[in-house]
Amino acid sequence: DGIQKMSKSLGNYVGLSDDPLTMYSKLEGTPDHLLKQYFELLTNVPLDQLPAQPREQQKQLALTIVTQYHGEAAAKEAQQAALNLVKGSTTGTGDSVPEFSLSSVEFPAKLFYILKESGLCQSSGEGRRQIQGGGVKLDGDRISAVDQTFDSPDQLVGKVLQVGKKKFARLVS
């Protein structure tokens, strides 16, 4: 945000070991006033070669840095997956969405518990608050029922669970 230092506890960091989609999504949200500074410090891209529009600069920054850490193919896949997820589609997201195995979850299970177990939320309480605030989607459909319960993993396998704009998990058995 340019005001506070990057830190995990503040939630404003980009981890070097983050998967490509998470890294891309975080970098794509870089505030406009920090773009030039990030390009100078984190890339070798000359400032005079940056696109004029800040939104395009954000995309280029994300693509450049993800390419540095994960390779060009993974960066382009993450870019496409981010675009698809923003549009509400989970098709074409490929392997760029991290997977969470439902084998560790005892069914029937409430959604807020699954959010905690998957690591998308730090606690069940945070999961409830995210659902109440409209920040949870399952395959692009917003979930509004705080006590949403799933009777078996079959109801969830293959779907993408999303919390906010930047946290995703593909549910597998």
N, C-alpha and C. Protein backbone atom coordinates (compact mmCIF):
# COMPACT_ATOMS: atom_id res chain seq x y z
N ASP A 1 0.81 -1.21 0.00
CA ASP A 1 0.00 0.00 0.00
C ASP A 1 0.84 1.26 0.00
N GLY A 2 2.14 1.12 0.21
CA GLY A 2 3.04 2.27 0.18
C GLY A 2 3.12 3.03 1.48
N ILE A 3 2.30 2.68 2.45
CA ILE A 3 2.30 3.37 3.73
C ILE A 3 2.96 2.50 4.79
N GLN A 4 2.57 1.23 4.82
CA GLN A 4 3.13 0.30 5.78
C GLN A 4 4.09 -0.65 5.08
N LYS A 5 5.05 -1.15 5.84
CA LYS A 5 5.99 -2.12 5.28
C LYS A 5 5.24 -3.37 4.84
N MET A 6 5.83 -4.09 3.88
CA MET A 6 5.24 -5.37 3.47
C MET A 6 5.43 -6.36 4.60
N SER A 7 4.34 -7.00 5.01
CA SER A 7 4.47 -8.03 6.04
C SER A 7 3.33 -9.02 5.95
N LYS A 8 3.63 -10.24 6.36
CA LYS A 8 2.63 -11.30 6.32
C LYS A 8 1.49 -10.99 7.28
N SER A 9 1.81 -10.45 8.46
CA SER A 9 0.77 -10.17 9.45
C SER A 9 -0.18 -9.06 9.00
N LEU A 10 0.30 -8.15 8.15
CA LEU A 10 -0.58 -7.10 7.63
C LEU A 10 -1.29 -7.54 6.36
N GLY A 11 -0.86 -8.66 5.80
CA GLY A 11 -1.51 -9.20 4.61
C GLY A 11 -1.22 -8.42 3.33
N ASN A 12 -0.14 -7.65 3.32
CA ASN A 12 0.17 -6.84 2.13
C ASN A 12 1.51 -7.24 1.50
N TYR A 13 1.82 -8.53 1.55
CA TYR A 13 3.09 -9.01 1.03
C TYR A 13 2.87 -9.91 -0.18
N VAL A 14 3.92 -10.11 -0.95
CA VAL A 14 3.92 -11.08 -2.04
C VAL A 14 5.02 -12.06 -1.70
N GLY A 15 4.65 -13.28 -1.41
CA GLY A 15 5.63 -14.30 -1.04
C GLY A 15 6.37 -14.83 -2.25
N LEU A 16 7.67 -14.98 -2.14
CA LEU A 16 8.47 -15.50 -3.25
C LEU A 16 8.12 -16.94 -3.56
N SER A 17 7.57 -17.65 -2.59
CA SER A 17 7.19 -19.05 -2.82
C SER A 17 5.70 -19.19 -3.12
N ASP A 18 4.98 -18.09 -3.25
CA ASP A 18 3.56 -18.15 -3.62
C ASP A 18 3.41 -18.84 -4.97
N ASP A 19 2.29 -19.52 -5.15
CA ASP A 19 2.01 -20.12 -6.45
C ASP A 19 1.80 -19.00 -7.48
N PRO A 20 1.94 -19.28 -8.77
CA PRO A 20 1.86 -18.23 -9.79
C PRO A 20 0.57 -17.41 -9.76
N LEU A 21 -0.57 -18.05 -9.56
CA LEU A 21 -1.84 -17.31 -9.56
C LEU A 21 -1.92 -16.35 -8.38
N THR A 22 -1.54 -16.81 -7.20
CA THR A 22 -1.58 -15.95 -6.02
C THR A 22 -0.63 -14.77 -6.19
N MET A 23 0.58 -15.05 -6.67
CA MET A 23 1.57 -14.00 -6.88
C MET A 23 1.05 -12.99 -7.91
N TYR A 24 0.51 -13.49 -9.02
CA TYR A 24 0.00 -12.61 -10.07
C TYR A 24 -1.13 -11.74 -9.52
N SER A 25 -2.07 -12.34 -8.80
CA SER A 25 -3.22 -11.60 -8.29
C SER A 25 -2.80 -10.50 -7.32
N LYS A 26 -1.83 -10.81 -6.45
CA LYS A 26 -1.37 -9.80 -5.50
C LYS A 26 -0.67 -8.64 -6.22
N LEU A 27 0.20 -8.97 -7.17
CA LEU A 27 0.95 -7.94 -7.88
C LEU A 27 0.06 -7.10 -8.79
N GLU A 28 -0.98 -7.71 -9.32
CA GLU A 28 -1.89 -6.99 -10.20
C GLU A 28 -2.65 -5.91 -9.43
N GLY A 29 -2.72 -6.06 -8.12
CA GLY A 29 -3.41 -5.08 -7.29
C GLY A 29 -2.51 -4.00 -6.72
N THR A 30 -1.31 -3.86 -7.26
CA THR A 30 -0.38 -2.83 -6.79
C THR A 30 -0.99 -1.44 -6.99
N PRO A 31 -0.98 -0.60 -5.95
CA PRO A 31 -1.53 0.75 -6.09
C PRO A 31 -0.81 1.54 -7.19
N ASP A 32 -1.55 2.37 -7.90
CA ASP A 32 -1.00 3.14 -9.02
C ASP A 32 0.24 3.95 -8.64
N HIS A 33 0.22 4.57 -7.45
CA HIS A 33 1.33 5.44 -7.07
C HIS A 33 2.63 4.68 -6.78
N LEU A 34 2.56 3.36 -6.67
CA LEU A 34 3.76 2.57 -6.40
C LEU A 34 4.31 1.87 -7.64
N LEU A 35 3.62 1.93 -8.75
CA LEU A 35 4.01 1.15 -9.92
C LEU A 35 5.42 1.46 -10.40
N LYS A 36 5.74 2.73 -10.58
CA LYS A 36 7.08 3.08 -11.08
C LYS A 36 8.17 2.64 -10.11
N GLN A 37 7.91 2.82 -8.83
CA GLN A 37 8.89 2.40 -7.82
C GLN A 37 9.08 0.88 -7.87
N TYR A 38 8.01 0.13 -7.99
CA TYR A 38 8.11 -1.33 -8.08
C TYR A 38 8.87 -1.75 -9.34
N PHE A 39 8.58 -1.09 -10.46
CA PHE A 39 9.29 -1.43 -11.70
C PHE A 39 10.78 -1.16 -11.54
N GLU A 40 11.14 -0.03 -10.91
CA GLU A 40 12.55 0.30 -10.73
C GLU A 40 13.26 -0.70 -9.82
N LEU A 41 12.60 -1.07 -8.73
CA LEU A 41 13.25 -1.92 -7.73
C LEU A 41 13.20 -3.41 -8.04
N LEU A 42 12.16 -3.85 -8.73
CA LEU A 42 11.93 -5.29 -8.87
C LEU A 42 12.13 -5.85 -10.27
N THR A 43 12.28 -4.97 -11.27
CA THR A 43 12.41 -5.47 -12.65
C THR A 43 13.54 -4.73 -13.37
N ASN A 44 13.82 -5.18 -14.57
CA ASN A 44 14.79 -4.51 -15.45
C ASN A 44 14.08 -3.79 -16.58
N VAL A 45 12.78 -3.59 -16.46
CA VAL A 45 12.00 -2.94 -17.51
C VAL A 45 12.26 -1.43 -17.45
N PRO A 46 12.73 -0.82 -18.55
CA PRO A 46 12.93 0.63 -18.57
C PRO A 46 11.59 1.36 -18.40
N LEU A 47 11.58 2.41 -17.59
CA LEU A 47 10.34 3.13 -17.31
C LEU A 47 9.73 3.76 -18.56
N ASP A 48 10.57 4.11 -19.54
CA ASP A 48 10.03 4.72 -20.75
C ASP A 48 9.33 3.70 -21.65
N GLN A 49 9.42 2.42 -21.32
CA GLN A 49 8.75 1.39 -22.10
C GLN A 49 7.46 0.90 -21.44
N LEU A 50 7.05 1.57 -20.37
CA LEU A 50 5.82 1.17 -19.67
C LEU A 50 4.60 1.66 -20.43
N PRO A 51 3.50 0.89 -20.39
CA PRO A 51 2.26 1.36 -20.99
C PRO A 51 1.79 2.64 -20.29
N ALA A 52 0.99 3.42 -20.98
CA ALA A 52 0.52 4.69 -20.42
C ALA A 52 -0.51 4.49 -19.31
N GLN A 53 -1.36 3.49 -19.47
CA GLN A 53 -2.45 3.26 -18.52
C GLN A 53 -1.96 2.49 -17.28
N PRO A 54 -2.30 2.97 -16.08
CA PRO A 54 -1.88 2.26 -14.86
C PRO A 54 -2.36 0.80 -14.81
N ARG A 55 -3.54 0.53 -15.31
CA ARG A 55 -4.06 -0.85 -15.29
C ARG A 55 -3.16 -1.78 -16.12
N GLU A 56 -2.72 -1.29 -17.26
CA GLU A 56 -1.82 -2.08 -18.10
C GLU A 56 -0.45 -2.24 -17.45
N GLN A 57 -0.02 -1.20 -16.71
CA GLN A 57 1.25 -1.28 -15.98
C GLN A 57 1.16 -2.36 -14.89
N GLN A 58 0.02 -2.42 -14.20
CA GLN A 58 -0.18 -3.44 -13.17
C GLN A 58 -0.06 -4.84 -13.77
N LYS A 59 -0.71 -5.04 -14.91
CA LYS A 59 -0.66 -6.35 -15.57
C LYS A 59 0.76 -6.70 -15.99
N GLN A 60 1.49 -5.71 -16.53
CA GLN A 60 2.86 -5.96 -16.97
C GLN A 60 3.76 -6.27 -15.78
N LEU A 61 3.59 -5.53 -14.69
CA LEU A 61 4.39 -5.79 -13.49
C LEU A 61 4.15 -7.21 -12.99
N ALA A 62 2.89 -7.59 -12.88
CA ALA A 62 2.56 -8.93 -12.40
C ALA A 62 3.15 -10.00 -13.32
N LEU A 63 2.98 -9.82 -14.61
CA LEU A 63 3.48 -10.80 -15.58
C LEU A 63 5.01 -10.90 -15.53
N THR A 64 5.68 -9.76 -15.43
CA THR A 64 7.15 -9.73 -15.40
C THR A 64 7.70 -10.44 -14.17
N ILE A 65 7.14 -10.15 -13.01
CA ILE A 65 7.68 -10.73 -11.78
C ILE A 65 7.33 -12.22 -11.67
N VAL A 66 6.12 -12.60 -12.04
CA VAL A 66 5.77 -14.02 -12.00
C VAL A 66 6.65 -14.80 -12.98
N THR A 67 6.97 -14.19 -14.12
CA THR A 67 7.88 -14.83 -15.08
C THR A 67 9.25 -15.06 -14.46
N GLN A 68 9.74 -14.09 -13.68
CA GLN A 68 11.05 -14.22 -13.04
C GLN A 68 11.11 -15.42 -12.10
N TYR A 69 10.03 -15.68 -11.39
CA TYR A 69 10.05 -16.73 -10.37
C TYR A 69 9.48 -18.07 -10.82
N HIS A 70 8.60 -18.05 -11.81
CA HIS A 70 7.92 -19.29 -12.20
C HIS A 70 8.03 -19.63 -13.68
N GLY A 71 8.60 -18.74 -14.48
CA GLY A 71 8.73 -18.99 -15.91
C GLY A 71 7.58 -18.36 -16.69
N GLU A 72 7.84 -18.15 -17.99
CA GLU A 72 6.87 -17.45 -18.84
C GLU A 72 5.57 -18.22 -19.00
N ALA A 73 5.64 -19.52 -19.18
CA ALA A 73 4.42 -20.32 -19.38
C ALA A 73 3.51 -20.25 -18.16
N ALA A 74 4.08 -20.39 -16.97
CA ALA A 74 3.29 -20.32 -15.74
C ALA A 74 2.71 -18.92 -15.54
N ALA A 75 3.47 -17.89 -15.91
CA ALA A 75 3.00 -16.52 -15.76
C ALA A 75 1.81 -16.24 -16.68
N LYS A 76 1.92 -16.68 -17.92
CA LYS A 76 0.81 -16.46 -18.86
C LYS A 76 -0.42 -17.27 -18.45
N GLU A 77 -0.20 -18.47 -17.94
CA GLU A 77 -1.32 -19.29 -17.46
C GLU A 77 -1.99 -18.62 -16.26
N ALA A 78 -1.19 -18.06 -15.35
CA ALA A 78 -1.72 -17.36 -14.19
C ALA A 78 -2.50 -16.12 -14.62
N GLN A 79 -1.99 -15.41 -15.62
CA GLN A 79 -2.67 -14.22 -16.13
C GLN A 79 -4.04 -14.60 -16.69
N GLN A 80 -4.09 -15.67 -17.49
CA GLN A 80 -5.35 -16.11 -18.07
C GLN A 80 -6.30 -16.62 -16.99
N ALA A 81 -5.77 -17.36 -16.02
CA ALA A 81 -6.60 -17.87 -14.94
C ALA A 81 -7.19 -16.73 -14.12
N ALA A 82 -6.37 -15.70 -13.85
CA ALA A 82 -6.86 -14.54 -13.10
C ALA A 82 -7.98 -13.85 -13.86
N LEU A 83 -7.80 -13.70 -15.16
CA LEU A 83 -8.83 -13.08 -15.99
C LEU A 83 -10.11 -13.91 -15.96
N ASN A 84 -9.99 -15.22 -16.10
CA ASN A 84 -11.16 -16.10 -16.07
C ASN A 84 -11.87 -16.04 -14.72
N LEU A 85 -11.09 -16.04 -13.63
CA LEU A 85 -11.70 -16.01 -12.30
C LEU A 85 -12.39 -14.69 -12.02
N VAL A 86 -11.82 -13.59 -12.50
CA VAL A 86 -12.45 -12.28 -12.32
C VAL A 86 -13.78 -12.23 -13.06
N LYS A 87 -13.82 -12.89 -14.22
CA LYS A 87 -15.06 -12.94 -15.00
C LYS A 87 -16.07 -13.91 -14.40
N GLY A 88 -15.65 -14.68 -13.38
CA GLY A 88 -16.54 -15.63 -12.74
C GLY A 88 -16.49 -17.02 -13.33
N SER A 89 -15.57 -17.25 -14.24
CA SER A 89 -15.45 -18.57 -14.87
C SER A 89 -14.30 -19.33 -14.24
N THR A 90 -14.51 -20.62 -14.02
CA THR A 90 -13.42 -21.44 -13.49
C THR A 90 -12.88 -22.37 -14.57
N THR A 91 -13.44 -22.30 -15.77
CA THR A 91 -12.90 -23.11 -16.85
C THR A 91 -11.68 -22.40 -17.41
N GLY A 92 -10.71 -23.15 -17.82
CA GLY A 92 -9.49 -22.56 -18.38
C GLY A 92 -8.53 -22.07 -17.33
N THR A 93 -8.76 -22.41 -16.06
CA THR A 93 -7.83 -21.97 -15.02
C THR A 93 -6.68 -22.95 -14.88
N GLY A 94 -6.80 -24.12 -15.49
CA GLY A 94 -5.70 -25.08 -15.54
C GLY A 94 -5.14 -25.43 -14.18
N ASP A 95 -3.83 -25.63 -14.15
CA ASP A 95 -3.15 -26.03 -12.92
C ASP A 95 -2.72 -24.84 -12.08
N SER A 96 -3.07 -23.62 -12.49
CA SER A 96 -2.57 -22.45 -11.78
C SER A 96 -3.30 -22.20 -10.46
N VAL A 97 -4.45 -22.85 -10.25
CA VAL A 97 -5.17 -22.71 -8.99
C VAL A 97 -4.67 -23.78 -8.03
N PRO A 98 -4.21 -23.39 -6.83
CA PRO A 98 -3.73 -24.39 -5.87
C PRO A 98 -4.85 -25.36 -5.50
N GLU A 99 -4.48 -26.59 -5.20
CA GLU A 99 -5.48 -27.60 -4.86
C GLU A 99 -5.54 -27.82 -3.36
N PHE A 100 -6.75 -28.17 -2.88
CA PHE A 100 -6.95 -28.57 -1.49
C PHE A 100 -7.67 -29.90 -1.49
N SER A 101 -7.09 -30.88 -0.80
CA SER A 101 -7.68 -32.21 -0.73
C SER A 101 -8.73 -32.27 0.37
N LEU A 102 -9.92 -32.67 -0.01
CA LEU A 102 -11.03 -32.77 0.94
C LEU A 102 -10.93 -34.01 1.81
N SER A 103 -9.91 -34.83 1.60
CA SER A 103 -9.77 -36.07 2.37
C SER A 103 -9.56 -35.81 3.86
N SER A 104 -9.07 -34.62 4.20
CA SER A 104 -8.84 -34.29 5.61
C SER A 104 -10.07 -33.72 6.29
N VAL A 105 -11.15 -33.53 5.53
CA VAL A 105 -12.38 -32.94 6.07
C VAL A 105 -13.37 -34.04 6.39
N GLU A 106 -13.96 -33.97 7.57
CA GLU A 106 -14.98 -34.95 7.96
C GLU A 106 -16.35 -34.41 7.56
N PHE A 107 -17.06 -35.18 6.74
CA PHE A 107 -18.37 -34.76 6.25
C PHE A 107 -19.46 -35.41 7.06
N PRO A 108 -20.64 -34.73 7.22
CA PRO A 108 -21.00 -33.43 6.67
C PRO A 108 -20.16 -32.32 7.29
N ALA A 109 -19.91 -31.28 6.49
CA ALA A 109 -19.05 -30.18 6.94
C ALA A 109 -19.64 -28.84 6.52
N LYS A 110 -19.51 -27.88 7.41
CA LYS A 110 -19.95 -26.52 7.11
C LYS A 110 -18.87 -25.82 6.27
N LEU A 111 -19.32 -24.92 5.42
CA LEU A 111 -18.40 -24.23 4.51
C LEU A 111 -17.33 -23.46 5.26
N PHE A 112 -17.70 -22.78 6.36
CA PHE A 112 -16.70 -21.99 7.08
C PHE A 112 -15.58 -22.88 7.64
N TYR A 113 -15.92 -24.13 7.97
CA TYR A 113 -14.90 -25.09 8.44
C TYR A 113 -13.97 -25.47 7.28
N ILE A 114 -14.54 -25.68 6.12
CA ILE A 114 -13.74 -26.02 4.94
C ILE A 114 -12.81 -24.85 4.59
N LEU A 115 -13.30 -23.62 4.73
CA LEU A 115 -12.47 -22.44 4.48
C LEU A 115 -11.26 -22.43 5.41
N LYS A 116 -11.49 -22.76 6.68
CA LYS A 116 -10.39 -22.79 7.64
C LYS A 116 -9.41 -23.92 7.31
N GLU A 117 -9.93 -25.10 7.06
CA GLU A 117 -9.07 -26.26 6.79
C GLU A 117 -8.24 -26.09 5.51
N SER A 118 -8.80 -25.40 4.54
CA SER A 118 -8.10 -25.20 3.27
C SER A 118 -7.02 -24.13 3.36
N GLY A 119 -7.05 -23.35 4.43
CA GLY A 119 -6.08 -22.28 4.59
C GLY A 119 -6.52 -20.97 3.93
N LEU A 120 -7.72 -20.96 3.36
CA LEU A 120 -8.22 -19.73 2.75
C LEU A 120 -8.61 -18.71 3.81
N CYS A 121 -8.95 -19.19 5.01
CA CYS A 121 -9.24 -18.33 6.15
C CYS A 121 -8.45 -18.87 7.34
N GLN A 122 -8.06 -17.98 8.25
CA GLN A 122 -7.24 -18.39 9.38
C GLN A 122 -8.05 -19.07 10.48
N SER A 123 -9.36 -18.80 10.51
CA SER A 123 -10.20 -19.40 11.54
C SER A 123 -11.61 -19.59 11.01
N SER A 124 -12.40 -20.37 11.72
CA SER A 124 -13.80 -20.55 11.34
C SER A 124 -14.55 -19.22 11.44
N GLY A 125 -14.21 -18.43 12.45
CA GLY A 125 -14.84 -17.12 12.61
C GLY A 125 -14.58 -16.21 11.43
N GLU A 126 -13.33 -16.22 10.95
CA GLU A 126 -13.02 -15.42 9.76
C GLU A 126 -13.80 -15.94 8.57
N GLY A 127 -13.93 -17.26 8.46
CA GLY A 127 -14.71 -17.86 7.37
C GLY A 127 -16.16 -17.39 7.41
N ARG A 128 -16.74 -17.38 8.60
CA ARG A 128 -18.13 -16.90 8.75
C ARG A 128 -18.25 -15.44 8.32
N ARG A 129 -17.30 -14.62 8.77
CA ARG A 129 -17.34 -13.19 8.42
C ARG A 129 -17.21 -12.99 6.91
N GLN A 130 -16.34 -13.77 6.28
CA GLN A 130 -16.18 -13.66 4.82
C GLN A 130 -17.48 -14.04 4.11
N ILE A 131 -18.13 -15.10 4.57
CA ILE A 131 -19.41 -15.51 3.96
C ILE A 131 -20.45 -14.42 4.17
N GLN A 132 -20.57 -13.90 5.39
CA GLN A 132 -21.55 -12.85 5.69
C GLN A 132 -21.30 -11.60 4.86
N GLY A 133 -20.03 -11.30 4.62
CA GLY A 133 -19.67 -10.11 3.85
C GLY A 133 -19.76 -10.31 2.35
N GLY A 134 -20.12 -11.50 1.92
CA GLY A 134 -20.26 -11.76 0.48
C GLY A 134 -18.94 -12.01 -0.22
N GLY A 135 -17.91 -12.38 0.53
CA GLY A 135 -16.59 -12.55 -0.06
C GLY A 135 -16.24 -13.97 -0.44
N VAL A 136 -17.21 -14.89 -0.42
CA VAL A 136 -16.92 -16.29 -0.73
C VAL A 136 -17.71 -16.74 -1.95
N LYS A 137 -17.01 -17.35 -2.90
CA LYS A 137 -17.66 -17.88 -4.10
C LYS A 137 -17.25 -19.33 -4.29
N LEU A 138 -18.17 -20.11 -4.82
CA LEU A 138 -17.90 -21.50 -5.19
C LEU A 138 -18.21 -21.63 -6.66
N ASP A 139 -17.19 -21.87 -7.46
CA ASP A 139 -17.31 -21.90 -8.92
C ASP A 139 -17.97 -20.63 -9.47
N GLY A 140 -17.62 -19.49 -8.89
CA GLY A 140 -18.11 -18.21 -9.38
C GLY A 140 -19.45 -17.78 -8.80
N ASP A 141 -20.12 -18.67 -8.06
CA ASP A 141 -21.41 -18.32 -7.44
C ASP A 141 -21.19 -17.90 -6.00
N ARG A 142 -21.68 -16.70 -5.67
CA ARG A 142 -21.52 -16.18 -4.32
C ARG A 142 -22.31 -17.03 -3.33
N ILE A 143 -21.68 -17.36 -2.21
CA ILE A 143 -22.33 -18.12 -1.14
C ILE A 143 -22.74 -17.12 -0.06
N SER A 144 -24.02 -17.13 0.30
CA SER A 144 -24.49 -16.17 1.31
C SER A 144 -24.97 -16.83 2.59
N ALA A 145 -25.19 -18.15 2.56
CA ALA A 145 -25.67 -18.86 3.74
C ALA A 145 -24.48 -19.22 4.64
N VAL A 146 -24.42 -18.59 5.81
CA VAL A 146 -23.31 -18.80 6.73
C VAL A 146 -23.23 -20.26 7.17
N ASP A 147 -24.37 -20.91 7.33
CA ASP A 147 -24.39 -22.30 7.79
C ASP A 147 -24.47 -23.30 6.65
N GLN A 148 -24.03 -22.91 5.45
CA GLN A 148 -24.04 -23.81 4.29
C GLN A 148 -23.30 -25.10 4.65
N THR A 149 -23.98 -26.23 4.51
CA THR A 149 -23.40 -27.52 4.85
C THR A 149 -23.33 -28.41 3.61
N PHE A 150 -22.25 -29.15 3.52
CA PHE A 150 -22.07 -30.11 2.42
C PHE A 150 -22.03 -31.51 3.02
N ASP A 151 -22.86 -32.40 2.47
CA ASP A 151 -22.99 -33.75 3.02
C ASP A 151 -21.87 -34.69 2.60
N SER A 152 -21.30 -34.45 1.43
CA SER A 152 -20.22 -35.32 0.97
C SER A 152 -19.24 -34.53 0.12
N PRO A 153 -18.02 -35.03 -0.02
CA PRO A 153 -17.04 -34.34 -0.86
C PRO A 153 -17.45 -34.30 -2.32
N ASP A 154 -18.31 -35.23 -2.73
CA ASP A 154 -18.76 -35.28 -4.13
C ASP A 154 -19.42 -33.98 -4.57
N GLN A 155 -20.01 -33.25 -3.61
CA GLN A 155 -20.66 -31.99 -3.93
C GLN A 155 -19.65 -30.90 -4.26
N LEU A 156 -18.39 -31.10 -3.91
CA LEU A 156 -17.39 -30.04 -4.04
C LEU A 156 -16.22 -30.37 -4.97
N VAL A 157 -15.95 -31.63 -5.19
CA VAL A 157 -14.78 -32.04 -5.97
C VAL A 157 -14.80 -31.40 -7.36
N GLY A 158 -13.66 -30.80 -7.73
CA GLY A 158 -13.52 -30.17 -9.03
C GLY A 158 -13.92 -28.71 -9.07
N LYS A 159 -14.51 -28.21 -8.00
CA LYS A 159 -14.95 -26.81 -7.97
C LYS A 159 -13.84 -25.93 -7.40
N VAL A 160 -13.93 -24.64 -7.72
CA VAL A 160 -12.96 -23.67 -7.22
C VAL A 160 -13.62 -22.84 -6.13
N LEU A 161 -13.00 -22.82 -4.97
CA LEU A 161 -13.46 -22.04 -3.84
C LEU A 161 -12.64 -20.76 -3.82
N GLN A 162 -13.32 -19.61 -3.71
CA GLN A 162 -12.64 -18.32 -3.76
C GLN A 162 -13.03 -17.49 -2.55
N VAL A 163 -12.04 -16.86 -1.92
CA VAL A 163 -12.27 -15.93 -0.82
C VAL A 163 -11.65 -14.60 -1.22
N GLY A 164 -12.47 -13.58 -1.30
CA GLY A 164 -11.98 -12.28 -1.75
C GLY A 164 -11.57 -12.33 -3.21
N LYS A 165 -10.63 -11.47 -3.57
CA LYS A 165 -10.20 -11.41 -4.97
C LYS A 165 -8.95 -12.23 -5.24
N LYS A 166 -8.24 -12.62 -4.19
CA LYS A 166 -6.90 -13.17 -4.41
C LYS A 166 -6.67 -14.57 -3.88
N LYS A 167 -7.61 -15.15 -3.17
CA LYS A 167 -7.39 -16.47 -2.58
C LYS A 167 -8.29 -17.50 -3.27
N PHE A 168 -7.66 -18.56 -3.79
CA PHE A 168 -8.38 -19.59 -4.53
C PHE A 168 -7.89 -20.96 -4.11
N ALA A 169 -8.78 -21.95 -4.23
CA ALA A 169 -8.37 -23.35 -4.05
C ALA A 169 -9.30 -24.23 -4.88
N ARG A 170 -8.69 -25.10 -5.67
CA ARG A 170 -9.47 -26.11 -6.40
C ARG A 170 -9.64 -27.29 -5.46
N LEU A 171 -10.87 -27.71 -5.25
CA LEU A 171 -11.18 -28.78 -4.31
C LEU A 171 -11.05 -30.14 -5.00
N VAL A 172 -10.24 -31.01 -4.42
CA VAL A 172 -10.02 -32.34 -4.98
C VAL A 172 -10.28 -33.38 -3.89
N SER A 173 -10.47 -34.64 -4.32
CA SER A 173 -10.75 -35.69 -3.33
C SER A 173 -9.49 -36.26 -2.73
